[in-house]
């Protein structure tokens, strides 16, 4: 298994987040973003105990290969 960093947020103040990774073993993306802690927003979602919610800026969508190359 290898994680491949596809892109970091060029507008991040500290240069460390958000980030898009691709996991070649699971064929899934891993997203590093801002943890959502606002109770009013979270109560609108049905989040199972084994999941979490992050906020991810729209400008980061460019790093997904499907977006960059126009398809899968």
PDB file of N, CA and C in Angstrom:
ATOM      1  N   UNK A   1       0.841  -1.180   0.000  1.00  0.00           N
ATOM      2  CA  UNK A   1       0.000   0.000   0.000  1.00  0.00           C
ATOM      3  C   UNK A   1       0.882   1.238   0.000  1.00  0.00           C
ATOM      4  N   UNK A   2       0.462   2.203  -0.764  1.00  0.00           N
ATOM      5  CA  UNK A   2       1.179   3.476  -0.777  1.00  0.00           C
ATOM      6  C   UNK A   2       0.172   4.604  -0.861  1.00  0.00           C
ATOM      7  N   UNK A   3       0.406   5.627  -0.074  1.00  0.00           N
ATOM      8  CA  UNK A   3      -0.392   6.840  -0.156  1.00  0.00           C
ATOM      9  C   UNK A   3       0.347   7.829  -1.051  1.00  0.00           C
ATOM     10  N   UNK A   4      -0.383   8.424  -1.949  1.00  0.00           N
ATOM     11  CA  UNK A   4       0.194   9.378  -2.890  1.00  0.00           C
ATOM     12  C   UNK A   4      -0.424  10.748  -2.627  1.00  0.00           C
ATOM     13  N   UNK A   5       0.386  11.716  -2.286  1.00  0.00           N
ATOM     14  CA  UNK A   5      -0.116  13.067  -2.071  1.00  0.00           C
ATOM     15  C   UNK A   5      -0.400  13.691  -3.435  1.00  0.00           C
ATOM     16  N   UNK A   6      -1.649  14.051  -3.653  1.00  0.00           N
ATOM     17  CA  UNK A   6      -2.057  14.617  -4.933  1.00  0.00           C
ATOM     18  C   UNK A   6      -2.018  16.134  -4.940  1.00  0.00           C
ATOM     19  N   UNK A   7      -2.205  16.733  -3.779  1.00  0.00           N
ATOM     20  CA  UNK A   7      -2.153  18.181  -3.736  1.00  0.00           C
ATOM     21  C   UNK A   7      -2.440  18.745  -2.367  1.00  0.00           C
ATOM     22  N   UNK A   8      -1.773  19.855  -2.070  1.00  0.00           N
ATOM     23  CA  UNK A   8      -1.986  20.597  -0.834  1.00  0.00           C
ATOM     24  C   UNK A   8      -2.619  21.930  -1.172  1.00  0.00           C
ATOM     25  N   UNK A   9      -3.348  22.458  -0.216  1.00  0.00           N
ATOM     26  CA  UNK A   9      -4.028  23.730  -0.413  1.00  0.00           C
ATOM     27  C   UNK A   9      -2.996  24.848  -0.548  1.00  0.00           C
ATOM     28  N   UNK A  10      -2.906  25.473  -1.711  1.00  0.00           N
ATOM     29  CA  UNK A  10      -1.935  26.548  -1.897  1.00  0.00           C
ATOM     30  C   UNK A  10      -2.277  27.790  -1.071  1.00  0.00           C
ATOM     31  N   UNK A  11      -3.500  27.869  -0.559  1.00  0.00           N
ATOM     32  CA  UNK A  11      -3.905  29.023   0.237  1.00  0.00           C
ATOM     33  C   UNK A  11      -3.871  28.756   1.739  1.00  0.00           C
ATOM     34  N   UNK A  12      -3.377  27.588   2.141  1.00  0.00           N
ATOM     35  CA  UNK A  12      -3.291  27.260   3.562  1.00  0.00           C
ATOM     36  C   UNK A  12      -2.292  28.185   4.237  1.00  0.00           C
ATOM     37  N   UNK A  13      -2.700  28.737   5.371  1.00  0.00           N
ATOM     38  CA  UNK A  13      -1.840  29.689   6.065  1.00  0.00           C
ATOM     39  C   UNK A  13      -0.556  29.057   6.586  1.00  0.00           C
ATOM     40  N   UNK A  14      -0.614  27.793   7.005  1.00  0.00           N
ATOM     41  CA  UNK A  14       0.583  27.137   7.534  1.00  0.00           C
ATOM     42  C   UNK A  14       1.176  26.115   6.569  1.00  0.00           C
ATOM     43  N   UNK A  15       0.554  25.941   5.410  1.00  0.00           N
ATOM     44  CA  UNK A  15       1.071  25.010   4.415  1.00  0.00           C
ATOM     45  C   UNK A  15       0.836  23.552   4.727  1.00  0.00           C
ATOM     46  N   UNK A  16       0.039  23.243   5.756  1.00  0.00           N
ATOM     47  CA  UNK A  16      -0.121  21.854   6.156  1.00  0.00           C
ATOM     48  C   UNK A  16      -1.469  21.235   5.900  1.00  0.00           C
ATOM     49  N   UNK A  17      -2.444  22.004   5.494  1.00  0.00           N
ATOM     50  CA  UNK A  17      -3.771  21.442   5.319  1.00  0.00           C
ATOM     51  C   UNK A  17      -4.574  22.407   4.473  1.00  0.00           C
ATOM     52  N   UNK A  18      -5.601  21.986   3.842  1.00  0.00           N
ATOM     53  CA  UNK A  18      -6.044  20.643   3.524  1.00  0.00           C
ATOM     54  C   UNK A  18      -5.138  19.970   2.495  1.00  0.00           C
ATOM     55  N   UNK A  19      -5.283  18.659   2.422  1.00  0.00           N
ATOM     56  CA  UNK A  19      -4.468  17.860   1.511  1.00  0.00           C
ATOM     57  C   UNK A  19      -5.311  16.712   0.958  1.00  0.00           C
ATOM     58  N   UNK A  20      -5.069  16.347  -0.300  1.00  0.00           N
ATOM     59  CA  UNK A  20      -5.723  15.204  -0.939  1.00  0.00           C
ATOM     60  C   UNK A  20      -4.679  14.120  -1.147  1.00  0.00           C
ATOM     61  N   UNK A  21      -5.013  12.895  -0.719  1.00  0.00           N
ATOM     62  CA  UNK A  21      -4.153  11.734  -0.922  1.00  0.00           C
ATOM     63  C   UNK A  21      -4.934  10.675  -1.684  1.00  0.00           C
ATOM     64  N   UNK A  22      -4.213   9.825  -2.416  1.00  0.00           N
ATOM     65  CA  UNK A  22      -4.808   8.665  -3.076  1.00  0.00           C
ATOM     66  C   UNK A  22      -4.166   7.420  -2.487  1.00  0.00           C
ATOM     67  N   UNK A  23      -4.989   6.461  -2.084  1.00  0.00           N
ATOM     68  CA  UNK A  23      -4.526   5.180  -1.539  1.00  0.00           C
ATOM     69  C   UNK A  23      -4.640   4.142  -2.652  1.00  0.00           C
ATOM     70  N   UNK A  24      -3.507   3.691  -3.171  1.00  0.00           N
ATOM     71  CA  UNK A  24      -3.556   2.768  -4.309  1.00  0.00           C
ATOM     72  C   UNK A  24      -3.988   1.357  -3.931  1.00  0.00           C
ATOM     73  N   UNK A  25      -3.985   1.012  -2.658  1.00  0.00           N
ATOM     74  CA  UNK A  25      -4.447  -0.311  -2.232  1.00  0.00           C
ATOM     75  C   UNK A  25      -5.974  -0.371  -2.165  1.00  0.00           C
ATOM     76  N   UNK A  26      -6.598   0.680  -1.665  1.00  0.00           N
ATOM     77  CA  UNK A  26      -8.059   0.680  -1.522  1.00  0.00           C
ATOM     78  C   UNK A  26      -8.766   1.363  -2.696  1.00  0.00           C
ATOM     79  N   UNK A  27      -8.014   2.063  -3.525  1.00  0.00           N
ATOM     80  CA  UNK A  27      -8.564   2.843  -4.634  1.00  0.00           C
ATOM     81  C   UNK A  27      -9.515   3.923  -4.120  1.00  0.00           C
ATOM     82  N   UNK A  28      -9.163   4.498  -2.971  1.00  0.00           N
ATOM     83  CA  UNK A  28      -9.945   5.563  -2.350  1.00  0.00           C
ATOM     84  C   UNK A  28      -9.077   6.786  -2.126  1.00  0.00           C
ATOM     85  N   UNK A  29      -9.752   7.903  -1.894  1.00  0.00           N
ATOM     86  CA  UNK A  29      -9.066   9.138  -1.549  1.00  0.00           C
ATOM     87  C   UNK A  29      -9.110   9.340  -0.045  1.00  0.00           C
ATOM     88  N   UNK A  30      -8.074   9.932   0.499  1.00  0.00           N
ATOM     89  CA  UNK A  30      -8.057  10.366   1.886  1.00  0.00           C
ATOM     90  C   UNK A  30      -7.990  11.884   1.864  1.00  0.00           C
ATOM     91  N   UNK A  31      -8.845  12.511   2.647  1.00  0.00           N
ATOM     92  CA  UNK A  31      -8.920  13.959   2.666  1.00  0.00           C
ATOM     93  C   UNK A  31      -8.538  14.473   4.039  1.00  0.00           C
ATOM     94  N   UNK A  32      -7.582  15.345   4.058  1.00  0.00           N
ATOM     95  CA  UNK A  32      -7.205  16.041   5.286  1.00  0.00           C
ATOM     96  C   UNK A  32      -7.808  17.426   5.175  1.00  0.00           C
ATOM     97  N   UNK A  33      -8.577  17.800   6.189  1.00  0.00           N
ATOM     98  CA  UNK A  33      -9.235  19.096   6.142  1.00  0.00           C
ATOM     99  C   UNK A  33      -9.517  19.607   7.531  1.00  0.00           C
ATOM    100  N   UNK A  34     -10.366  20.607   7.606  1.00  0.00           N
ATOM    101  CA  UNK A  34     -10.695  21.225   8.881  1.00  0.00           C
ATOM    102  C   UNK A  34     -11.801  20.437   9.560  1.00  0.00           C
ATOM    103  N   UNK A  35     -11.582  20.052  10.792  1.00  0.00           N
ATOM    104  CA  UNK A  35     -12.574  19.302  11.556  1.00  0.00           C
ATOM    105  C   UNK A  35     -13.788  20.189  11.822  1.00  0.00           C
ATOM    106  N   UNK A  36     -14.972  19.665  11.518  1.00  0.00           N
ATOM    107  CA  UNK A  36     -16.204  20.396  11.773  1.00  0.00           C
ATOM    108  C   UNK A  36     -16.604  20.146  13.225  1.00  0.00           C
ATOM    109  N   UNK A  37     -16.685  21.213  14.000  1.00  0.00           N
ATOM    110  CA  UNK A  37     -17.059  21.085  15.411  1.00  0.00           C
ATOM    111  C   UNK A  37     -18.308  21.897  15.751  1.00  0.00           C
ATOM    112  N   UNK A  38     -18.836  22.627  14.795  1.00  0.00           N
ATOM    113  CA  UNK A  38     -20.029  23.443  15.006  1.00  0.00           C
ATOM    114  C   UNK A  38     -21.242  22.536  15.196  1.00  0.00           C
ATOM    115  N   UNK A  39     -21.800  22.528  16.406  1.00  0.00           N
ATOM    116  CA  UNK A  39     -22.914  21.645  16.745  1.00  0.00           C
ATOM    117  C   UNK A  39     -24.129  21.872  15.851  1.00  0.00           C
ATOM    118  N   UNK A  40     -24.407  23.113  15.487  1.00  0.00           N
ATOM    119  CA  UNK A  40     -25.570  23.408  14.641  1.00  0.00           C
ATOM    120  C   UNK A  40     -25.449  22.755  13.272  1.00  0.00           C
ATOM    121  N   UNK A  41     -24.259  22.721  12.749  1.00  0.00           N
ATOM    122  CA  UNK A  41     -24.045  22.073  11.441  1.00  0.00           C
ATOM    123  C   UNK A  41     -24.068  20.559  11.586  1.00  0.00           C
ATOM    124  N   UNK A  42     -23.417  20.041  12.615  1.00  0.00           N
ATOM    125  CA  UNK A  42     -23.333  18.591  12.805  1.00  0.00           C
ATOM    126  C   UNK A  42     -24.689  17.953  13.084  1.00  0.00           C
ATOM    127  N   UNK A  43     -25.574  18.664  13.785  1.00  0.00           N
ATOM    128  CA  UNK A  43     -26.869  18.070  14.114  1.00  0.00           C
ATOM    129  C   UNK A  43     -27.748  17.899  12.879  1.00  0.00           C
ATOM    130  N   UNK A  44     -27.396  18.516  11.779  1.00  0.00           N
ATOM    131  CA  UNK A  44     -28.134  18.350  10.526  1.00  0.00           C
ATOM    132  C   UNK A  44     -27.714  17.088   9.780  1.00  0.00           C
ATOM    133  N   UNK A  45     -26.678  16.431  10.268  1.00  0.00           N
ATOM    134  CA  UNK A  45     -26.129  15.242   9.616  1.00  0.00           C
ATOM    135  C   UNK A  45     -26.367  14.008  10.475  1.00  0.00           C
ATOM    136  N   UNK A  46     -26.396  12.864   9.842  1.00  0.00           N
ATOM    137  CA  UNK A  46     -26.522  11.595  10.547  1.00  0.00           C
ATOM    138  C   UNK A  46     -25.169  10.892  10.437  1.00  0.00           C
ATOM    139  N   UNK A  47     -24.304  11.131  11.410  1.00  0.00           N
ATOM    140  CA  UNK A  47     -22.927  10.647  11.339  1.00  0.00           C
ATOM    141  C   UNK A  47     -22.754   9.441  12.253  1.00  0.00           C
ATOM    142  N   UNK A  48     -22.483   8.264  11.694  1.00  0.00           N
ATOM    143  CA  UNK A  48     -22.234   7.087  12.521  1.00  0.00           C
ATOM    144  C   UNK A  48     -20.974   7.279  13.377  1.00  0.00           C
ATOM    145  N   UNK A  49     -20.892   6.556  14.465  1.00  0.00           N
ATOM    146  CA  UNK A  49     -19.780   6.689  15.408  1.00  0.00           C
ATOM    147  C   UNK A  49     -18.422   6.426  14.755  1.00  0.00           C
ATOM    148  N   UNK A  50     -18.398   5.605  13.721  1.00  0.00           N
ATOM    149  CA  UNK A  50     -17.124   5.254  13.080  1.00  0.00           C
ATOM    150  C   UNK A  50     -16.733   6.216  11.950  1.00  0.00           C
ATOM    151  N   UNK A  51     -17.473   7.316  11.791  1.00  0.00           N
ATOM    152  CA  UNK A  51     -17.181   8.296  10.763  1.00  0.00           C
ATOM    153  C   UNK A  51     -16.979   9.678  11.377  1.00  0.00           C
ATOM    154  N   UNK A  52     -16.436  10.580  10.576  1.00  0.00           N
ATOM    155  CA  UNK A  52     -16.271  11.971  10.992  1.00  0.00           C
ATOM    156  C   UNK A  52     -16.586  12.860   9.799  1.00  0.00           C
ATOM    157  N   UNK A  53     -16.618  14.141  10.033  1.00  0.00           N
ATOM    158  CA  UNK A  53     -16.887  15.102   8.966  1.00  0.00           C
ATOM    159  C   UNK A  53     -15.764  16.124   8.963  1.00  0.00           C
ATOM    160  N   UNK A  54     -15.243  16.399   7.780  1.00  0.00           N
ATOM    161  CA  UNK A  54     -14.266  17.467   7.625  1.00  0.00           C
ATOM    162  C   UNK A  54     -14.806  18.474   6.629  1.00  0.00           C
ATOM    163  N   UNK A  55     -14.302  19.668   6.717  1.00  0.00           N
ATOM    164  CA  UNK A  55     -14.637  20.690   5.734  1.00  0.00           C
ATOM    165  C   UNK A  55     -13.474  20.768   4.757  1.00  0.00           C
ATOM    166  N   UNK A  56     -13.819  20.795   3.485  1.00  0.00           N
ATOM    167  CA  UNK A  56     -12.815  20.718   2.440  1.00  0.00           C
ATOM    168  C   UNK A  56     -13.126  21.786   1.404  1.00  0.00           C
ATOM    169  N   UNK A  57     -12.192  22.691   1.114  1.00  0.00           N
ATOM    170  CA  UNK A  57     -12.482  23.800   0.204  1.00  0.00           C
ATOM    171  C   UNK A  57     -12.671  23.364  -1.246  1.00  0.00           C
ATOM    172  N   UNK A  58     -13.606  24.005  -1.902  1.00  0.00           N
ATOM    173  CA  UNK A  58     -13.911  23.707  -3.303  1.00  0.00           C
ATOM    174  C   UNK A  58     -12.683  23.839  -4.197  1.00  0.00           C
ATOM    175  N   UNK A  59     -11.807  24.778  -3.872  1.00  0.00           N
ATOM    176  CA  UNK A  59     -10.626  25.002  -4.713  1.00  0.00           C
ATOM    177  C   UNK A  59      -9.716  23.774  -4.771  1.00  0.00           C
ATOM    178  N   UNK A  60      -9.885  22.838  -3.817  1.00  0.00           N
ATOM    179  CA  UNK A  60      -9.041  21.640  -3.779  1.00  0.00           C
ATOM    180  C   UNK A  60      -9.530  20.549  -4.725  1.00  0.00           C
ATOM    181  N   UNK A  61     -10.720  20.682  -5.282  1.00  0.00           N
ATOM    182  CA  UNK A  61     -11.254  19.667  -6.193  1.00  0.00           C
ATOM    183  C   UNK A  61     -10.340  19.462  -7.404  1.00  0.00           C
ATOM    184  N   UNK A  62      -9.555  20.453  -7.752  1.00  0.00           N
ATOM    185  CA  UNK A  62      -8.650  20.368  -8.902  1.00  0.00           C
ATOM    186  C   UNK A  62      -7.662  19.224  -8.794  1.00  0.00           C
ATOM    187  N   UNK A  63      -7.402  18.740  -7.587  1.00  0.00           N
ATOM    188  CA  UNK A  63      -6.400  17.699  -7.401  1.00  0.00           C
ATOM    189  C   UNK A  63      -6.927  16.280  -7.621  1.00  0.00           C
ATOM    190  N   UNK A  64      -8.242  16.123  -7.740  1.00  0.00           N
ATOM    191  CA  UNK A  64      -8.786  14.804  -8.042  1.00  0.00           C
ATOM    192  C   UNK A  64      -8.544  14.497  -9.518  1.00  0.00           C
ATOM    193  N   UNK A  65      -7.963  13.346  -9.838  1.00  0.00           N
ATOM    194  CA  UNK A  65      -7.664  13.033 -11.240  1.00  0.00           C
ATOM    195  C   UNK A  65      -8.893  13.082 -12.141  1.00  0.00           C
ATOM    196  N   UNK A  66     -10.047  12.682 -11.628  1.00  0.00           N
ATOM    197  CA  UNK A  66     -11.268  12.703 -12.434  1.00  0.00           C
ATOM    198  C   UNK A  66     -11.633  14.116 -12.855  1.00  0.00           C
ATOM    199  N   UNK A  67     -11.309  15.072 -12.050  1.00  0.00           N
ATOM    200  CA  UNK A  67     -11.578  16.474 -12.385  1.00  0.00           C
ATOM    201  C   UNK A  67     -10.499  17.008 -13.309  1.00  0.00           C
ATOM    202  N   UNK A  68      -9.266  16.726 -12.967  1.00  0.00           N
ATOM    203  CA  UNK A  68      -8.129  17.229 -13.729  1.00  0.00           C
ATOM    204  C   UNK A  68      -8.093  16.690 -15.148  1.00  0.00           C
ATOM    205  N   UNK A  69      -8.477  15.411 -15.314  1.00  0.00           N
ATOM    206  CA  UNK A  69      -8.378  14.771 -16.631  1.00  0.00           C
ATOM    207  C   UNK A  69      -9.738  14.600 -17.304  1.00  0.00           C
ATOM    208  N   UNK A  70     -10.796  15.103 -16.694  1.00  0.00           N
ATOM    209  CA  UNK A  70     -12.112  15.066 -17.318  1.00  0.00           C
ATOM    210  C   UNK A  70     -12.778  13.717 -17.309  1.00  0.00           C
ATOM    211  N   UNK A  71     -12.494  12.863 -16.367  1.00  0.00           N
ATOM    212  CA  UNK A  71     -13.151  11.555 -16.270  1.00  0.00           C
ATOM    213  C   UNK A  71     -12.319  10.584 -15.469  1.00  0.00           C
ATOM    214  N   UNK A  72     -12.822   9.363 -15.330  1.00  0.00           N
ATOM    215  CA  UNK A  72     -12.113   8.364 -14.516  1.00  0.00           C
ATOM    216  C   UNK A  72     -10.887   7.842 -15.208  1.00  0.00           C
TER     217      UNK A  72
END
